[in-house]
Structure formats: structure tokens, C-alpha cells
Amino acid sequence: MANSSTLPPRAWLVVGLLWIVGCLNYLDRVMITTMRGSLTEAIPMTDAQFGLLTSVFLWVYGFLSPFAGFLADRFNRSRVIIGSLFAWSVITWLTAHATTYGELLATRALMGISEACYIPAALALIADYHRGNTRSLATGVHMSGIMVGSGLGGLGGWIAERHGWAHAFEIFGAAGIVYSIVVAFLLRDAARDPGVVRAAIAGESSVKSVRMGAALASLFSQRGFIFALAYWGLLGLVGWAVVGWMPTYLNEHFQLSQGTAGLSATGYLQAAALAGVLIGGAWADRWSRTNERGRIYVPMIGLLVAAPGILLVSTIDWLPLALAGLVIFGLARAFSDSNMMPILCLVSDARYRATGYGVLNLFSCVVGGLTIYAGGIMRDAQIDVSRIFQFAAFSILICVGLLFSIRAQTQPRSRP
């Protein structure tokens, strides 16, 4: 197994470049959830319609993810990433100029199309560079950028209170456009996994002859991938329930202002998750040196801690204790984020990693979008949104069982 001293050149530079891209990726998509009051005042809509703004993004994003992942497997991963960053940044800037609900909904759908190409390509590119006992940590470092972006999403509500809801979209859209030019000069693909090259020489498949049907057939022939799909889908329910409705819950349940609630929901959660992805990644890398299933056991342990944390948030009336539960949940649940791609590498062919992650994203986002929309319907029906967090805690326990059922694929995996 490769170690950090034999990494390909630029391995950590790539992680650093993608850290900022991942930060912008989640900041641009999440900040709309923290400015509900300002947005609905400027563009009237029901709570269900407000929830639909995130749901339609997730559904479009999810449905296109497998195809976006296939593009990254079939063509150049770096170019897919650069094009995705530039496109969603332009759309973020255009969102600031929407004047009707229909225009706003259209920009969110376009955002889903443009952002779908990023995560599968980025995580597959990191896995290409980090093939040994740095894989989970490298993934975790990248995911920490996503956590920071989600945490900074609270700035959306803060800026909206002071300068109007459109101002944040203009600022971060322009920043993404500029950064895409920087990334275009520095980001490059890694040399392909030697196992993939050997397969091409043997006539099994060449990199350029990757086909969608063959990729899906290979992925779904593995029971471990099917368990991973169910696990990631349920975890999407949990994650998007918290992202989509925690700011509103804190705003109303604890009488916090829109800005304070948004910063509290994203800030405490993502600060804890930032530590969690690094701890979970380093711990899993270390455990995997003696037991391949270490990358599975670490997120299992995390989820067993995360479930009581989110349950505490939804049942307590004292704000400090509720925020403590949110921190516990964010820290422990993040162990899963740094290990999902490494787990996928255990149960899939190296040629189809991006496609595989795209399929996982599809299921996760469809479930997550339904969860956010259901939260809006519940609010319109005067049902406390805390119920959805309580159901999320139960879902986490099911995820533990699904993780335990995952086994590495039976066919030999390619290694350097």
C-alpha cells in the first residue's frame, strides 16, 4: 500500500486547491436557507415554496450526479471541475438579479445542474492522487472545506439583514468566477491507477472506453455498493434536514434573530464537523493499516454518538444544551464524510469511482430534497419541525446497521 512518502507530485496541492472550491460549492448552495425572512419579504412565497427552492436544487443535482460522475470517469476530471466551478459561480451571480419566484426557482435548478459535476470528480481526483494510507485524511481535509463553506453560509442571513438578500449572491458569485481562472492554471489530473492501466493492456477496458451501462452493471453487482447506497441515502435525509430547517427551528424555538439563528445553526455545526472530518479521516487511515474495515468502523462509532446529539437538539428547551447537542452531532456525523469515498473504493472498480459517487449523490439528494420539502409541508400544517429531527435520529441508527453489512468487493481490487 502506498504511503505519504510515495505520493504522486502535487497530491496535497490538489487537495488545497479543491478545499477552496469545495468551500465555495457549499457556501453558494446553503446560504439561501439562512435568509428566509429577507427573501420572503422581497419575493413573497409560502414555507413549502421556500423549502422547494432547496429541494429543486437537490433533485436536479441528484438526478444529474451519476451522469456528471460518468463524465469525470470518461474524460478529464480537472476540466470537469473547472467548468463546474465557473458555471455555478455565474449562476450564483445571476441569482442576485431574480425578481420573481419563478426566476429564483429556475436559478436554483440551474445551480443543481452546474454543481452536480463537482463532488464526484473532486473526490475521484483525490482518490487518484492518494492511493494508500492518506486517502481518508486527504478526503477529510477536502471535506473540511465543505464544512467551512456550510458554516460561512450563515453569512447569507447576516448580509441579507444589512444589505438585502441579493448582495451575498453577487459577492460570492464574483469570487467564484475569479477563482475558477486561478484553478484552471494549477489543477491537473493524476496518472491513472496502475490497476486501471493493467486492465486496459489486458483488453478488459480502456479509460477512454468507459461506458455508463458497464459502470452501473459493475457497481450494482456488488452487495457492498447497494448497502452503501442505502446508507448514504438515509444519511442524506439526516444532513439535509439539519441544513434546510435548523436555522428556522432555532429562530422560532429559541426566539433568535434571523442572522443569529443562521450563524448558530451553520457555525456551531460546521465548526464541529470541521474537526470531525479531520479526526475521522486520520483515525480511519491509522486503523486501516491493520484492518481494512477500519474505514467502516470509524463512521459507525461516529453515528452511534451523533444520534443522541440530534435527539437532544430536538427535545431540549435550553439553548446552550441544544447547541451542545448540535456540536456533538456535527463532530461525530462528520466521520462519515471523510470515509465515504474510501469506502466506495473498497466496493467498486477503480474505473467507476466518480460514477459510483454520482449514484450515491443521486439517492442522497432525492431523499434529502423530499425531507426539506416535507419540512415545509409540516410547517404549513402547523406541525413542529422538531419531529423531523427526531426521525433523523432513528434513521442514523439504521445507517449503523447498513454500514456493518458492507464488505469489500469479492473481485480483486486494483492496487499500485
Protein backbone atom coordinates (compact mmCIF):
# COMPACT_ATOMS: atom_id res chain seq x y z
CA MET A 1 0.00 0.00 0.00
CA ALA A 2 1.26 3.48 -0.84
CA ASN A 3 2.22 5.86 1.91
CA SER A 4 2.62 9.58 2.21
CA SER A 5 6.32 9.42 1.18
CA THR A 6 5.44 7.87 -2.21
CA LEU A 7 2.53 10.11 -3.13
CA PRO A 8 2.40 11.43 -6.70
CA PRO A 9 3.64 15.02 -7.14
CA ARG A 10 1.07 17.74 -6.40
CA ALA A 11 -1.06 15.35 -4.31
CA TRP A 12 -1.55 17.80 -1.42
CA LEU A 13 -1.59 20.85 -3.71
CA VAL A 14 -4.64 19.36 -5.41
CA VAL A 15 -6.33 18.89 -2.04
CA GLY A 16 -5.57 22.52 -1.15
CA LEU A 17 -6.96 23.87 -4.42
CA LEU A 18 -10.11 21.78 -4.09
CA TRP A 19 -10.52 22.83 -0.44
CA ILE A 20 -11.40 26.35 -1.60
CA VAL A 21 -13.59 25.07 -4.44
CA GLY A 22 -15.50 22.86 -2.01
CA CYS A 23 -15.91 25.81 0.35
CA LEU A 24 -17.48 27.91 -2.41
CA ASN A 25 -19.58 24.96 -3.57
CA TYR A 26 -21.43 24.61 -0.29
CA LEU A 27 -21.46 28.29 0.64
CA ASP A 28 -23.26 29.15 -2.60
CA ARG A 29 -25.86 26.43 -2.19
CA VAL A 30 -26.52 26.73 1.56
CA MET A 31 -26.70 30.47 2.20
CA ILE A 32 -30.23 30.75 0.80
CA THR A 33 -31.53 28.70 3.77
CA THR A 34 -30.27 31.35 6.23
CA MET A 35 -32.07 34.36 4.71
CA ARG A 36 -35.67 33.15 4.72
CA GLY A 37 -37.11 36.31 6.28
CA SER A 38 -35.37 38.75 3.92
CA LEU A 39 -36.05 36.61 0.87
CA THR A 40 -39.75 36.03 1.50
CA GLU A 41 -40.22 39.74 2.25
CA ALA A 42 -38.73 40.66 -1.14
CA ILE A 43 -40.29 37.77 -3.11
CA PRO A 44 -43.48 36.52 -1.40
CA MET A 45 -43.74 32.71 -1.04
CA THR A 46 -45.13 30.07 1.31
CA ASP A 47 -42.93 27.94 3.55
CA ALA A 48 -43.46 24.99 1.24
CA GLN A 49 -42.27 27.12 -1.70
CA PHE A 50 -39.24 28.26 0.31
CA GLY A 51 -38.40 24.61 1.03
CA LEU A 52 -38.86 23.84 -2.66
CA LEU A 53 -36.01 26.22 -3.53
CA THR A 54 -33.57 23.84 -1.86
CA SER A 55 -35.48 20.71 -2.87
CA VAL A 56 -35.46 21.52 -6.59
CA PHE A 57 -31.73 22.17 -6.38
CA LEU A 58 -31.19 18.79 -4.72
CA TRP A 59 -33.40 16.87 -7.14
CA VAL A 60 -31.74 18.32 -10.24
CA TYR A 61 -28.31 17.96 -8.63
CA GLY A 62 -29.03 14.38 -7.60
CA PHE A 63 -30.52 13.16 -10.88
CA LEU A 64 -27.58 14.53 -12.86
CA SER A 65 -24.87 13.31 -10.46
CA PRO A 66 -24.41 9.82 -11.99
CA PHE A 67 -24.00 11.34 -15.46
CA ALA A 68 -21.67 14.02 -14.10
CA GLY A 69 -19.62 11.32 -12.38
CA PHE A 70 -19.52 9.36 -15.63
CA LEU A 71 -18.08 12.43 -17.40
CA ALA A 72 -15.29 12.55 -14.83
CA ASP A 73 -14.55 8.83 -15.33
CA ARG A 74 -14.74 9.07 -19.10
CA PHE A 75 -12.90 12.35 -19.66
CA ASN A 76 -10.58 14.73 -17.79
CA ARG A 77 -11.53 15.17 -14.12
CA SER A 78 -9.77 18.55 -13.75
CA ARG A 79 -11.59 20.12 -16.69
CA VAL A 80 -14.93 18.90 -15.37
CA ILE A 81 -14.16 20.54 -12.01
CA ILE A 82 -13.06 23.85 -13.54
CA GLY A 83 -16.10 24.05 -15.82
CA SER A 84 -18.43 23.25 -12.94
CA LEU A 85 -16.91 25.96 -10.70
CA PHE A 86 -17.16 28.64 -13.39
CA ALA A 87 -20.75 27.73 -14.33
CA TRP A 88 -22.20 27.67 -10.81
CA SER A 89 -20.40 30.91 -9.93
CA VAL A 90 -22.00 32.67 -12.90
CA ILE A 91 -25.40 31.28 -11.87
CA THR A 92 -24.85 32.41 -8.26
CA TRP A 93 -24.24 35.94 -9.53
CA LEU A 94 -27.34 35.75 -11.75
CA THR A 95 -29.46 34.63 -8.78
CA ALA A 96 -28.99 38.09 -7.26
CA HIS A 97 -30.94 39.55 -10.20
CA ALA A 98 -34.03 37.32 -9.87
CA THR A 99 -37.18 39.35 -9.23
CA THR A 100 -39.91 36.66 -9.19
CA TYR A 101 -40.31 33.29 -7.53
CA GLY A 102 -40.23 31.57 -10.92
CA GLU A 103 -36.88 33.16 -11.79
CA LEU A 104 -35.49 32.23 -8.38
CA LEU A 105 -36.63 28.63 -8.81
CA ALA A 106 -35.06 28.50 -12.28
CA THR A 107 -31.68 29.69 -11.00
CA ARG A 108 -31.76 27.05 -8.25
CA ALA A 109 -32.40 24.35 -10.85
CA LEU A 110 -29.53 25.67 -12.97
CA MET A 111 -27.35 25.69 -9.86
CA GLY A 112 -28.14 21.99 -9.42
CA ILE A 113 -27.02 21.26 -12.99
CA SER A 114 -23.74 23.13 -12.64
CA GLU A 115 -22.80 21.89 -9.16
CA ALA A 116 -23.59 18.23 -9.94
CA CYS A 117 -20.31 17.86 -11.81
CA TYR A 118 -18.08 18.88 -8.90
CA ILE A 119 -18.18 16.44 -5.97
CA PRO A 120 -17.87 13.11 -7.87
CA ALA A 121 -14.98 14.46 -9.96
CA ALA A 122 -13.21 16.09 -6.99
CA LEU A 123 -13.36 13.06 -4.70
CA ALA A 124 -12.32 10.72 -7.50
CA LEU A 125 -9.37 13.02 -8.32
CA ILE A 126 -8.28 13.00 -4.66
CA ALA A 127 -8.55 9.19 -4.62
CA ASP A 128 -6.39 9.07 -7.77
CA TYR A 129 -3.65 11.05 -6.03
CA HIS A 130 -4.00 9.43 -2.58
CA ARG A 131 -3.99 5.66 -3.14
CA GLY A 132 -2.76 4.42 0.21
CA ASN A 133 -2.91 5.32 3.88
CA THR A 134 -3.51 9.04 3.29
CA ARG A 135 -6.81 8.55 1.43
CA SER A 136 -9.27 9.16 4.29
CA LEU A 137 -7.30 12.11 5.68
CA ALA A 138 -6.99 13.72 2.24
CA THR A 139 -10.73 13.25 1.72
CA GLY A 140 -11.35 14.65 5.20
CA VAL A 141 -9.22 17.74 4.55
CA HIS A 142 -11.22 18.41 1.38
CA MET A 143 -14.49 17.84 3.20
CA SER A 144 -13.36 20.32 5.86
CA GLY A 145 -13.51 22.96 3.12
CA ILE A 146 -17.11 21.98 2.54
CA MET A 147 -17.77 22.29 6.27
CA VAL A 148 -16.25 25.78 6.31
CA GLY A 149 -18.38 26.72 3.30
CA SER A 150 -21.51 25.45 5.02
CA GLY A 151 -20.56 27.35 8.16
CA LEU A 152 -19.94 30.55 6.21
CA GLY A 153 -23.38 30.05 4.65
CA GLY A 154 -24.67 31.76 7.78
CA LEU A 155 -23.16 34.96 6.39
CA GLY A 156 -26.01 34.93 3.88
CA GLY A 157 -28.55 35.75 6.58
CA TRP A 158 -26.22 38.29 8.19
CA ILE A 159 -25.55 40.12 4.90
CA ALA A 160 -29.24 39.93 3.95
CA GLU A 161 -30.24 41.72 7.16
CA ARG A 162 -27.86 44.60 6.43
CA HIS A 163 -27.66 44.92 2.65
CA GLY A 164 -30.52 42.88 1.18
CA TRP A 165 -30.73 39.24 0.18
CA ALA A 166 -29.18 39.70 -3.31
CA HIS A 167 -25.89 41.20 -2.11
CA ALA A 168 -24.40 37.91 -0.87
CA PHE A 169 -25.08 36.18 -4.19
CA GLU A 170 -23.30 38.96 -6.07
CA ILE A 171 -20.22 38.82 -3.82
CA PHE A 172 -19.69 35.06 -3.77
CA GLY A 173 -20.64 34.58 -7.41
CA ALA A 174 -17.95 37.04 -8.49
CA ALA A 175 -15.39 35.42 -6.16
CA GLY A 176 -16.03 32.01 -7.73
CA ILE A 177 -15.61 33.34 -11.27
CA VAL A 178 -12.20 34.81 -10.39
CA TYR A 179 -11.05 31.65 -8.57
CA SER A 180 -12.02 29.41 -11.50
CA ILE A 181 -9.37 31.21 -13.57
CA VAL A 182 -6.73 30.51 -10.88
CA VAL A 183 -7.69 26.82 -10.70
CA ALA A 184 -7.52 26.48 -14.49
CA PHE A 185 -3.77 27.23 -14.36
CA LEU A 186 -2.91 24.89 -11.46
CA LEU A 187 -5.20 21.84 -11.42
CA ARG A 188 -4.12 18.70 -13.31
CA ASP A 189 -5.24 15.07 -13.40
CA ALA A 190 -3.16 12.39 -11.71
CA ALA A 191 -1.65 9.47 -13.61
CA ARG A 192 -4.26 6.74 -13.76
CA ASP A 193 -4.26 3.99 -11.15
CA PRO A 194 -1.83 1.29 -12.39
CA GLY A 195 -4.58 -1.28 -11.90
CA VAL A 196 -6.71 0.53 -14.46
CA VAL A 197 -3.79 0.70 -16.87
CA ARG A 198 -3.15 -3.04 -16.49
CA ALA A 199 -6.84 -3.68 -17.22
CA ALA A 200 -6.54 -1.64 -20.40
CA ILE A 201 -3.45 -3.55 -21.52
CA ALA A 202 -5.22 -6.83 -20.82
CA GLY A 203 -8.10 -5.71 -23.02
CA GLU A 204 -10.68 -5.60 -20.23
CA SER A 205 -11.40 -1.92 -20.77
CA SER A 206 -9.56 1.23 -21.60
CA VAL A 207 -10.02 4.51 -19.83
CA LYS A 208 -11.45 6.03 -23.00
CA SER A 209 -13.94 3.18 -23.49
CA VAL A 210 -15.68 3.57 -20.13
CA ARG A 211 -19.41 3.13 -20.71
CA MET A 212 -22.32 4.14 -18.48
CA GLY A 213 -24.05 0.77 -18.75
CA ALA A 214 -20.91 -1.15 -17.87
CA ALA A 215 -20.23 1.18 -14.95
CA LEU A 216 -23.71 0.75 -13.47
CA ALA A 217 -23.65 -3.02 -14.01
CA SER A 218 -20.31 -3.26 -12.24
CA LEU A 219 -21.42 -1.10 -9.31
CA PHE A 220 -24.77 -2.83 -8.70
CA SER A 221 -23.20 -6.29 -8.96
CA GLN A 222 -21.61 -5.61 -5.57
CA ARG A 223 -23.78 -6.06 -2.46
CA GLY A 224 -21.45 -3.73 -0.60
CA PHE A 225 -22.28 -0.91 -3.02
CA ILE A 226 -26.03 -1.46 -2.56
CA PHE A 227 -25.65 -1.27 1.24
CA ALA A 228 -23.51 1.86 0.82
CA LEU A 229 -26.21 3.39 -1.40
CA ALA A 230 -28.94 2.83 1.20
CA TYR A 231 -26.66 4.12 3.97
CA TRP A 232 -25.71 7.31 2.11
CA GLY A 233 -29.33 7.97 1.16
CA LEU A 234 -30.54 7.82 4.76
CA LEU A 235 -27.62 9.96 5.87
CA GLY A 236 -28.68 12.49 3.22
CA LEU A 237 -32.09 12.66 4.91
CA VAL A 238 -30.38 13.49 8.18
CA GLY A 239 -27.91 16.00 6.78
CA TRP A 240 -30.32 17.99 4.64
CA ALA A 241 -33.00 18.05 7.33
CA VAL A 242 -30.49 19.81 9.58
CA VAL A 243 -29.11 22.13 6.87
CA GLY A 244 -32.54 23.03 5.49
CA TRP A 245 -34.53 23.60 8.68
CA MET A 246 -32.18 24.05 11.65
CA PRO A 247 -31.85 27.86 11.12
CA THR A 248 -35.65 28.24 11.10
CA TYR A 249 -36.02 25.90 14.11
CA LEU A 250 -33.52 27.89 16.22
CA ASN A 251 -35.08 31.17 15.06
CA GLU A 252 -38.56 30.19 16.22
CA HIS A 253 -37.96 27.75 19.08
CA PHE A 254 -35.41 29.93 20.90
CA GLN A 255 -36.56 33.36 19.60
CA LEU A 256 -33.23 34.15 17.93
CA SER A 257 -32.92 36.74 15.17
CA GLN A 258 -32.60 35.53 11.59
CA GLY A 259 -28.87 36.34 11.46
CA THR A 260 -28.08 34.83 14.87
CA ALA A 261 -30.08 31.69 14.13
CA GLY A 262 -28.39 31.23 10.76
CA LEU A 263 -24.90 31.71 12.15
CA SER A 264 -25.66 29.45 15.13
CA ALA A 265 -27.11 26.64 13.01
CA THR A 266 -24.30 26.66 10.49
CA GLY A 267 -21.44 27.97 12.64
CA TYR A 268 -21.59 25.55 15.59
CA LEU A 269 -22.49 22.61 13.38
CA GLN A 270 -19.80 23.15 10.77
CA ALA A 271 -17.08 24.09 13.26
CA ALA A 272 -17.66 20.73 14.94
CA ALA A 273 -17.86 18.95 11.58
CA LEU A 274 -14.56 20.56 10.56
CA ALA A 275 -12.85 18.83 13.46
CA GLY A 276 -14.84 15.66 12.82
CA VAL A 277 -13.72 15.11 9.22
CA LEU A 278 -10.07 15.51 10.20
CA ILE A 279 -10.32 13.27 13.25
CA GLY A 280 -12.38 10.68 11.38
CA GLY A 281 -10.02 10.71 8.39
CA ALA A 282 -6.80 10.38 10.41
CA TRP A 283 -8.32 7.72 12.70
CA ALA A 284 -9.62 5.64 9.78
CA ASP A 285 -6.27 5.83 7.94
CA ARG A 286 -4.47 4.61 11.04
CA TRP A 287 -6.98 1.80 11.73
CA SER A 288 -6.94 0.68 8.08
CA ARG A 289 -3.24 -0.15 8.34
CA THR A 290 -4.15 -3.19 10.45
CA ASN A 291 -7.79 -3.74 9.44
CA GLU A 292 -9.27 -2.80 6.06
CA ARG A 293 -12.68 -2.35 7.71
CA GLY A 294 -11.31 0.45 9.89
CA ARG A 295 -12.71 2.89 7.33
CA ILE A 296 -16.15 1.38 8.06
CA TYR A 297 -15.85 1.08 11.84
CA VAL A 298 -14.89 4.74 12.39
CA PRO A 299 -18.10 6.20 10.86
CA MET A 300 -20.14 3.52 12.67
CA ILE A 301 -18.79 4.72 16.01
CA GLY A 302 -19.43 8.31 15.00
CA LEU A 303 -23.06 7.69 14.12
CA LEU A 304 -23.71 5.96 17.44
CA VAL A 305 -22.63 9.23 19.10
CA ALA A 306 -24.39 11.51 16.59
CA ALA A 307 -27.89 10.07 17.10
CA PRO A 308 -28.24 11.17 20.76
CA GLY A 309 -26.80 14.57 19.80
CA ILE A 310 -29.50 15.44 17.26
CA LEU A 311 -32.18 13.98 19.54
CA LEU A 312 -31.02 16.34 22.28
CA VAL A 313 -31.35 19.37 19.96
CA SER A 314 -34.95 18.49 19.11
CA THR A 315 -36.19 17.87 22.66
CA ILE A 316 -34.45 20.42 24.91
CA ASP A 317 -35.67 23.97 25.67
CA TRP A 318 -32.37 25.36 26.99
CA LEU A 319 -30.33 26.90 24.17
CA PRO A 320 -26.78 26.14 25.47
CA LEU A 321 -27.62 22.45 25.86
CA ALA A 322 -29.29 22.36 22.44
CA LEU A 323 -26.19 23.88 20.86
CA ALA A 324 -24.05 21.31 22.71
CA GLY A 325 -26.16 18.56 21.13
CA LEU A 326 -25.67 20.20 17.72
CA VAL A 327 -21.89 20.22 18.25
CA ILE A 328 -21.87 16.55 19.26
CA PHE A 329 -23.94 15.65 16.21
CA GLY A 330 -21.76 17.69 13.84
CA LEU A 331 -18.49 16.28 15.18
CA ALA A 332 -19.47 12.61 15.16
CA ARG A 333 -21.55 12.55 11.99
CA ALA A 334 -18.63 14.06 10.05
CA PHE A 335 -16.64 10.82 10.45
CA SER A 336 -18.84 9.52 7.63
CA ASP A 337 -17.92 12.36 5.25
CA SER A 338 -14.19 11.67 5.31
CA ASN A 339 -14.72 7.95 4.71
CA MET A 340 -17.47 7.66 2.09
CA MET A 341 -15.16 7.76 -0.94
CA PRO A 342 -12.63 5.42 0.73
CA ILE A 343 -15.49 3.01 1.49
CA LEU A 344 -16.62 3.29 -2.12
CA CYS A 345 -13.09 2.37 -3.18
CA LEU A 346 -13.50 -0.87 -1.17
CA VAL A 347 -16.67 -1.92 -3.00
CA SER A 348 -16.19 -0.65 -6.56
CA ASP A 349 -13.95 -0.90 -9.60
CA ALA A 350 -11.35 1.89 -9.68
CA ARG A 351 -12.52 2.87 -13.18
CA TYR A 352 -16.01 3.80 -11.95
CA ARG A 353 -15.40 5.74 -8.74
CA ALA A 354 -16.79 9.06 -9.90
CA THR A 355 -19.83 7.37 -11.45
CA GLY A 356 -20.35 5.43 -8.22
CA TYR A 357 -20.23 8.56 -6.11
CA GLY A 358 -22.63 10.20 -8.52
CA VAL A 359 -25.12 7.37 -7.97
CA LEU A 360 -24.72 7.78 -4.20
CA ASN A 361 -25.34 11.51 -4.59
CA LEU A 362 -28.46 10.84 -6.64
CA PHE A 363 -30.13 8.81 -3.93
CA SER A 364 -28.93 11.05 -1.11
CA CYS A 365 -30.18 14.22 -2.78
CA VAL A 366 -33.57 12.82 -3.79
CA VAL A 367 -34.16 11.70 -0.20
CA GLY A 368 -32.76 14.96 1.18
CA GLY A 369 -34.90 17.08 -1.13
CA LEU A 370 -38.04 15.20 -0.12
CA THR A 371 -37.08 15.72 3.52
CA ILE A 372 -36.72 19.50 3.16
CA TYR A 373 -39.97 19.78 1.20
CA ALA A 374 -41.74 17.61 3.81
CA GLY A 375 -40.49 20.03 6.47
CA GLY A 376 -42.16 22.92 4.63
CA ILE A 377 -45.43 20.99 4.36
CA MET A 378 -45.26 20.17 8.08
CA ARG A 379 -44.79 23.84 8.94
CA ASP A 380 -47.74 24.85 6.75
CA ALA A 381 -49.77 22.22 8.65
CA GLN A 382 -48.63 23.69 11.99
CA ILE A 383 -46.60 20.55 12.88
CA ASP A 384 -43.40 21.17 14.86
CA VAL A 385 -40.32 20.66 12.66
CA SER A 386 -38.55 19.08 15.64
CA ARG A 387 -40.37 15.88 14.62
CA ILE A 388 -38.25 15.62 11.52
CA PHE A 389 -35.07 15.82 13.61
CA GLN A 390 -36.37 13.04 15.86
CA PHE A 391 -36.99 10.86 12.81
CA ALA A 392 -33.46 11.70 11.66
CA ALA A 393 -32.04 10.29 14.91
CA PHE A 394 -33.85 7.00 14.24
CA SER A 395 -32.53 6.97 10.67
CA ILE A 396 -28.97 7.31 11.94
CA LEU A 397 -29.30 4.04 13.86
CA ILE A 398 -30.44 2.27 10.68
CA CYS A 399 -27.33 3.67 8.97
CA VAL A 400 -25.14 1.93 11.55
CA GLY A 401 -26.63 -1.44 10.62
CA LEU A 402 -26.18 -0.78 6.90
CA LEU A 403 -22.54 0.16 7.42
CA PHE A 404 -21.87 -3.01 9.39
CA SER A 405 -23.25 -5.05 6.47
CA ILE A 406 -20.74 -3.64 3.97
CA ARG A 407 -17.99 -5.99 2.85
CA ALA A 408 -15.17 -5.33 0.39
CA GLN A 409 -15.91 -6.50 -3.16
CA THR A 410 -15.18 -10.11 -3.96
CA GLN A 411 -13.24 -9.47 -7.14
CA PRO A 412 -9.61 -8.35 -6.76
CA ARG A 413 -9.24 -4.60 -6.37
CA SER A 414 -6.60 -2.80 -8.39
CA ARG A 415 -3.59 -1.66 -6.41
CA PRO A 416 -0.45 0.27 -7.28
